[in-house]
C-alpha cells in the first residue's frame, strides 16, 4: 500500500540511491505518484552525519515525498514514521476513490396521475 524509503544519515551512498528506488517503485507500480515517505535513520549519530537535513528535505521536495528523521536505536520517531505512512496511504486511497453519487433523497419531484 505504501513504501518507506529508508536511508542512513551516516551513509551518503544510501542517500544517493533514493532517487533510483523512487523511480523503480513508480515504474513497477506503473504510476506517476504512489504513497511513500523518506526516512533518514540513525539521527542519534549526529557527529557521524553525512547527509544534512537540508539536503534530505531538498530531495524530498524534488520527489514530492514527505521526509522525517528517526533513530531505531533510541526509538525516536519510529512510530511516527509508520503513522505518517498510514496517513499518506489513506489520503492517496481517498483521492483514488471515485466520488460518491449524490443521493436522490434531497430531490423533489412531481407525479402526474
N, C-alpha and C. Protein backbone atom coordinates (compact mmCIF):
# COMPACT_ATOMS: atom_id res chain seq x y z
N UNK A 1 0.81 -1.20 0.00
CA UNK A 1 0.00 0.00 0.00
C UNK A 1 0.85 1.26 0.00
N UNK A 2 2.07 1.18 0.56
CA UNK A 2 2.95 2.34 0.62
C UNK A 2 4.37 1.90 0.90
N UNK A 3 5.31 2.81 0.76
CA UNK A 3 6.73 2.49 0.93
C UNK A 3 7.42 3.48 1.85
N UNK A 4 8.27 2.94 2.72
CA UNK A 4 9.22 3.75 3.48
C UNK A 4 10.54 3.67 2.75
N UNK A 5 11.06 4.79 2.29
CA UNK A 5 12.37 4.83 1.64
C UNK A 5 13.37 5.24 2.72
N UNK A 6 14.01 4.25 3.33
CA UNK A 6 14.88 4.49 4.48
C UNK A 6 16.33 4.55 4.04
N UNK A 7 17.04 5.57 4.51
CA UNK A 7 18.47 5.67 4.26
C UNK A 7 19.16 6.02 5.57
N UNK A 8 20.46 5.75 5.61
CA UNK A 8 21.25 6.06 6.80
C UNK A 8 21.79 7.48 6.69
N UNK A 9 21.55 8.27 7.73
CA UNK A 9 22.08 9.63 7.76
C UNK A 9 23.60 9.64 7.84
N UNK A 10 24.20 8.49 8.17
CA UNK A 10 25.66 8.39 8.27
C UNK A 10 26.29 7.79 7.02
N UNK A 11 25.48 7.48 6.01
CA UNK A 11 25.99 6.83 4.79
C UNK A 11 25.45 7.56 3.56
N UNK A 12 26.26 8.40 2.99
CA UNK A 12 25.84 9.21 1.84
C UNK A 12 25.41 8.34 0.66
N UNK A 13 26.07 7.20 0.48
CA UNK A 13 25.73 6.31 -0.65
C UNK A 13 24.27 5.84 -0.55
N UNK A 14 23.81 5.54 0.65
CA UNK A 14 22.41 5.09 0.80
C UNK A 14 21.45 6.22 0.43
N UNK A 15 21.81 7.45 0.75
CA UNK A 15 21.01 8.62 0.37
C UNK A 15 20.96 8.77 -1.14
N UNK A 16 22.08 8.57 -1.80
CA UNK A 16 22.17 8.74 -3.25
C UNK A 16 21.33 7.71 -4.00
N UNK A 17 20.99 6.60 -3.38
CA UNK A 17 20.18 5.55 -4.01
C UNK A 17 18.68 5.86 -4.00
N UNK A 18 18.26 6.83 -3.20
CA UNK A 18 16.82 7.09 -3.04
C UNK A 18 16.11 7.39 -4.35
N UNK A 19 16.69 8.22 -5.18
CA UNK A 19 16.04 8.58 -6.45
C UNK A 19 15.84 7.35 -7.32
N UNK A 20 16.83 6.47 -7.34
CA UNK A 20 16.72 5.25 -8.14
C UNK A 20 15.58 4.36 -7.62
N UNK A 21 15.51 4.19 -6.29
CA UNK A 21 14.44 3.37 -5.72
C UNK A 21 13.07 4.00 -5.98
N UNK A 22 13.00 5.31 -5.87
CA UNK A 22 11.75 6.02 -6.14
C UNK A 22 11.28 5.76 -7.57
N UNK A 23 12.18 5.92 -8.53
CA UNK A 23 11.84 5.68 -9.94
C UNK A 23 11.42 4.23 -10.17
N UNK A 24 12.13 3.31 -9.53
CA UNK A 24 11.83 1.89 -9.70
C UNK A 24 10.44 1.56 -9.16
N UNK A 25 10.09 2.10 -8.02
CA UNK A 25 8.76 1.86 -7.44
C UNK A 25 7.68 2.39 -8.38
N UNK A 26 7.86 3.60 -8.87
CA UNK A 26 6.86 4.18 -9.78
C UNK A 26 6.74 3.37 -11.07
N UNK A 27 7.87 2.88 -11.55
CA UNK A 27 7.85 2.07 -12.79
C UNK A 27 7.11 0.76 -12.56
N UNK A 28 7.44 0.06 -11.47
CA UNK A 28 6.81 -1.23 -11.17
C UNK A 28 5.31 -1.05 -10.90
N UNK A 29 4.96 0.01 -10.20
CA UNK A 29 3.55 0.27 -9.89
C UNK A 29 2.82 0.90 -11.06
N UNK A 30 3.57 1.28 -12.11
CA UNK A 30 3.01 1.91 -13.30
C UNK A 30 2.16 3.13 -12.92
N UNK A 31 2.77 4.01 -12.10
CA UNK A 31 2.10 5.20 -11.59
C UNK A 31 3.03 6.40 -11.69
N UNK A 32 2.44 7.58 -11.66
CA UNK A 32 3.22 8.82 -11.57
C UNK A 32 3.46 9.20 -10.11
N UNK A 33 2.55 8.78 -9.25
CA UNK A 33 2.68 9.01 -7.81
C UNK A 33 2.26 7.75 -7.07
N UNK A 34 2.82 7.55 -5.89
CA UNK A 34 2.46 6.41 -5.05
C UNK A 34 2.82 6.79 -3.62
N UNK A 35 2.09 6.29 -2.62
CA UNK A 35 2.37 6.66 -1.23
C UNK A 35 3.77 6.23 -0.78
N UNK A 36 4.58 7.23 -0.43
CA UNK A 36 5.94 6.98 0.04
C UNK A 36 6.31 8.01 1.09
N UNK A 37 7.27 7.63 1.92
CA UNK A 37 7.83 8.52 2.93
C UNK A 37 9.33 8.29 2.97
N UNK A 38 10.10 9.36 2.88
CA UNK A 38 11.56 9.24 3.00
C UNK A 38 11.91 9.33 4.48
N UNK A 39 12.71 8.37 4.94
CA UNK A 39 13.09 8.31 6.35
C UNK A 39 14.61 8.30 6.47
N UNK A 40 15.14 9.30 7.16
CA UNK A 40 16.56 9.34 7.48
C UNK A 40 16.77 8.68 8.83
N UNK A 41 17.42 7.52 8.85
CA UNK A 41 17.64 6.77 10.09
C UNK A 41 19.00 7.10 10.69
N UNK A 42 19.18 6.76 11.93
CA UNK A 42 20.41 6.98 12.72
C UNK A 42 20.58 8.45 13.10
N UNK A 43 19.46 9.10 13.38
CA UNK A 43 19.50 10.51 13.79
C UNK A 43 20.24 10.69 15.12
N UNK A 44 20.42 9.62 15.86
CA UNK A 44 21.15 9.70 17.14
C UNK A 44 22.65 9.87 16.93
N UNK A 45 23.14 9.60 15.73
CA UNK A 45 24.58 9.69 15.45
C UNK A 45 24.90 11.03 14.76
N UNK A 46 24.53 12.11 15.40
CA UNK A 46 24.69 13.45 14.84
C UNK A 46 26.13 13.75 14.45
N UNK A 47 27.09 13.30 15.25
CA UNK A 47 28.51 13.57 14.97
C UNK A 47 29.03 12.78 13.77
N UNK A 48 28.29 11.77 13.31
CA UNK A 48 28.70 10.98 12.14
C UNK A 48 27.85 11.29 10.91
N UNK A 49 27.03 12.29 11.01
CA UNK A 49 26.09 12.63 9.94
C UNK A 49 26.83 12.92 8.63
N UNK A 50 26.35 12.30 7.54
CA UNK A 50 26.92 12.52 6.21
C UNK A 50 25.93 13.23 5.29
N UNK A 51 24.68 13.33 5.73
CA UNK A 51 23.63 13.98 4.94
C UNK A 51 22.96 15.03 5.82
N UNK A 52 22.93 16.26 5.35
CA UNK A 52 22.32 17.33 6.15
C UNK A 52 20.80 17.27 6.03
N UNK A 53 20.10 17.80 7.02
CA UNK A 53 18.63 17.86 6.93
C UNK A 53 18.18 18.65 5.70
N UNK A 54 18.92 19.68 5.33
CA UNK A 54 18.57 20.49 4.17
C UNK A 54 18.67 19.69 2.87
N UNK A 55 19.72 18.86 2.76
CA UNK A 55 19.87 18.03 1.56
C UNK A 55 18.72 17.04 1.44
N UNK A 56 18.38 16.41 2.55
CA UNK A 56 17.30 15.42 2.54
C UNK A 56 15.97 16.10 2.23
N UNK A 57 15.74 17.26 2.82
CA UNK A 57 14.50 18.00 2.59
C UNK A 57 14.40 18.45 1.13
N UNK A 58 15.52 18.85 0.55
CA UNK A 58 15.53 19.27 -0.85
C UNK A 58 15.15 18.11 -1.76
N UNK A 59 15.76 16.94 -1.53
CA UNK A 59 15.42 15.77 -2.34
C UNK A 59 13.96 15.39 -2.16
N UNK A 60 13.49 15.41 -0.92
CA UNK A 60 12.08 15.09 -0.66
C UNK A 60 11.16 16.04 -1.42
N UNK A 61 11.52 17.30 -1.46
CA UNK A 61 10.73 18.28 -2.21
C UNK A 61 10.74 18.00 -3.70
N UNK A 62 11.91 17.63 -4.22
CA UNK A 62 12.02 17.32 -5.65
C UNK A 62 11.17 16.10 -6.02
N UNK A 63 11.16 15.10 -5.13
CA UNK A 63 10.39 13.88 -5.38
C UNK A 63 8.94 14.01 -4.94
N UNK A 64 8.61 15.12 -4.29
CA UNK A 64 7.26 15.36 -3.75
C UNK A 64 6.85 14.27 -2.76
N UNK A 65 7.77 13.98 -1.84
CA UNK A 65 7.54 12.97 -0.81
C UNK A 65 7.88 13.60 0.54
N UNK A 66 7.06 13.37 1.57
CA UNK A 66 7.40 13.88 2.90
C UNK A 66 8.69 13.24 3.43
N UNK A 67 9.34 13.95 4.35
CA UNK A 67 10.61 13.48 4.93
C UNK A 67 10.54 13.57 6.45
N UNK A 68 11.10 12.55 7.11
CA UNK A 68 11.19 12.54 8.56
C UNK A 68 12.49 11.86 8.97
N UNK A 69 13.07 12.28 10.08
CA UNK A 69 14.27 11.64 10.61
C UNK A 69 13.89 10.82 11.83
N UNK A 70 14.60 9.71 12.02
CA UNK A 70 14.33 8.85 13.17
C UNK A 70 15.62 8.19 13.64
N UNK A 71 15.50 7.50 14.75
CA UNK A 71 16.57 6.65 15.25
C UNK A 71 15.94 5.37 15.76
N UNK A 72 16.20 4.27 15.08
CA UNK A 72 15.67 2.99 15.52
C UNK A 72 16.32 2.58 16.85
N UNK A 73 17.57 2.95 17.03
CA UNK A 73 18.32 2.57 18.23
C UNK A 73 17.68 3.14 19.50
N UNK A 74 17.31 4.42 19.46
CA UNK A 74 16.72 5.04 20.65
C UNK A 74 15.20 5.22 20.51
N UNK A 75 14.63 4.62 19.48
CA UNK A 75 13.19 4.63 19.21
C UNK A 75 12.63 6.05 19.06
N UNK A 76 13.41 6.92 18.46
CA UNK A 76 12.97 8.29 18.22
C UNK A 76 12.25 8.36 16.87
N UNK A 77 10.99 8.76 16.88
CA UNK A 77 10.17 8.96 15.68
C UNK A 77 9.87 7.69 14.89
N UNK A 78 10.17 6.52 15.44
CA UNK A 78 9.90 5.28 14.70
C UNK A 78 8.40 5.10 14.50
N UNK A 79 7.64 5.23 15.57
CA UNK A 79 6.18 5.09 15.45
C UNK A 79 5.61 6.18 14.53
N UNK A 80 6.16 7.38 14.64
CA UNK A 80 5.67 8.48 13.81
C UNK A 80 5.86 8.19 12.32
N UNK A 81 6.95 7.50 11.98
CA UNK A 81 7.18 7.13 10.57
C UNK A 81 6.03 6.28 10.04
N UNK A 82 5.66 5.27 10.82
CA UNK A 82 4.59 4.38 10.37
C UNK A 82 3.23 5.08 10.40
N UNK A 83 2.99 5.89 11.42
CA UNK A 83 1.73 6.64 11.46
C UNK A 83 1.62 7.59 10.27
N UNK A 84 2.71 8.25 9.94
CA UNK A 84 2.71 9.18 8.81
C UNK A 84 2.48 8.43 7.49
N UNK A 85 3.11 7.25 7.34
CA UNK A 85 2.90 6.48 6.12
C UNK A 85 1.44 6.05 6.00
N UNK A 86 0.84 5.61 7.10
CA UNK A 86 -0.58 5.23 7.07
C UNK A 86 -1.44 6.43 6.66
N UNK A 87 -1.14 7.60 7.20
CA UNK A 87 -1.87 8.81 6.84
C UNK A 87 -1.75 9.10 5.34
N UNK A 88 -0.52 8.96 4.82
CA UNK A 88 -0.26 9.20 3.40
C UNK A 88 -1.03 8.20 2.53
N UNK A 89 -1.01 6.92 2.93
CA UNK A 89 -1.72 5.87 2.19
C UNK A 89 -3.22 6.16 2.17
N UNK A 90 -3.78 6.50 3.32
CA UNK A 90 -5.22 6.79 3.38
C UNK A 90 -5.59 7.98 2.50
N UNK A 91 -4.78 9.02 2.55
CA UNK A 91 -5.04 10.20 1.73
C UNK A 91 -4.99 9.83 0.24
N UNK A 92 -4.02 9.00 -0.14
CA UNK A 92 -3.89 8.55 -1.52
C UNK A 92 -5.11 7.73 -1.93
N UNK A 93 -5.54 6.81 -1.06
CA UNK A 93 -6.69 5.97 -1.37
C UNK A 93 -7.97 6.79 -1.51
N UNK A 94 -8.13 7.80 -0.66
CA UNK A 94 -9.31 8.66 -0.77
C UNK A 94 -9.30 9.42 -2.10
N UNK A 95 -8.14 9.88 -2.51
CA UNK A 95 -8.03 10.60 -3.78
C UNK A 95 -8.31 9.69 -4.97
N UNK A 96 -7.99 8.41 -4.83
CA UNK A 96 -8.19 7.44 -5.92
C UNK A 96 -9.64 6.97 -6.00
N UNK A 97 -10.35 7.04 -4.89
CA UNK A 97 -11.73 6.56 -4.83
C UNK A 97 -12.62 7.45 -5.69
N UNK A 98 -13.51 6.84 -6.48
CA UNK A 98 -14.41 7.67 -7.29
C UNK A 98 -15.36 8.45 -6.37
N UNK A 99 -15.78 9.63 -6.81
CA UNK A 99 -16.68 10.43 -5.97
C UNK A 99 -18.00 9.71 -5.73
N UNK A 100 -18.53 9.87 -4.54
CA UNK A 100 -19.80 9.23 -4.19
C UNK A 100 -20.93 9.90 -4.97
N UNK A 101 -21.87 9.07 -5.39
CA UNK A 101 -23.03 9.62 -6.10
C UNK A 101 -23.93 10.32 -5.10
N UNK A 102 -24.50 11.42 -5.52
CA UNK A 102 -25.39 12.14 -4.61
C UNK A 102 -26.69 11.35 -4.46
N UNK A 103 -27.22 11.38 -3.27
CA UNK A 103 -28.46 10.63 -3.02
C UNK A 103 -29.65 11.39 -3.60
N UNK A 104 -30.64 10.64 -3.95
CA UNK A 104 -31.85 11.23 -4.53
C UNK A 104 -32.82 11.70 -3.46
N UNK A 105 -32.49 11.51 -2.20
CA UNK A 105 -33.41 11.85 -1.12
C UNK A 105 -33.67 13.35 -1.04
N UNK A 106 -32.77 14.18 -1.51
CA UNK A 106 -32.96 15.62 -1.47
C UNK A 106 -33.73 16.15 -2.67
N UNK A 107 -33.93 15.32 -3.66
CA UNK A 107 -34.61 15.75 -4.88
C UNK A 107 -36.12 15.72 -4.66
N UNK A 108 -36.76 16.71 -5.20
CA UNK A 108 -38.22 16.76 -5.14
C UNK A 108 -38.73 16.55 -6.55
N UNK A 109 -39.83 15.97 -6.65
CA UNK A 109 -40.38 15.74 -7.97
C UNK A 109 -41.90 15.72 -7.94
N UNK A 110 -42.49 15.69 -9.10
CA UNK A 110 -43.94 15.59 -9.16
C UNK A 110 -44.31 14.31 -9.90
N UNK A 111 -45.47 13.88 -9.59
CA UNK A 111 -46.00 12.70 -10.24
C UNK A 111 -47.34 13.09 -10.85
N UNK A 112 -47.52 12.82 -12.11
CA UNK A 112 -48.80 13.10 -12.77
C UNK A 112 -49.55 11.79 -12.88
N UNK A 113 -50.77 11.79 -12.35
CA UNK A 113 -51.60 10.59 -12.41
C UNK A 113 -52.73 10.77 -13.38
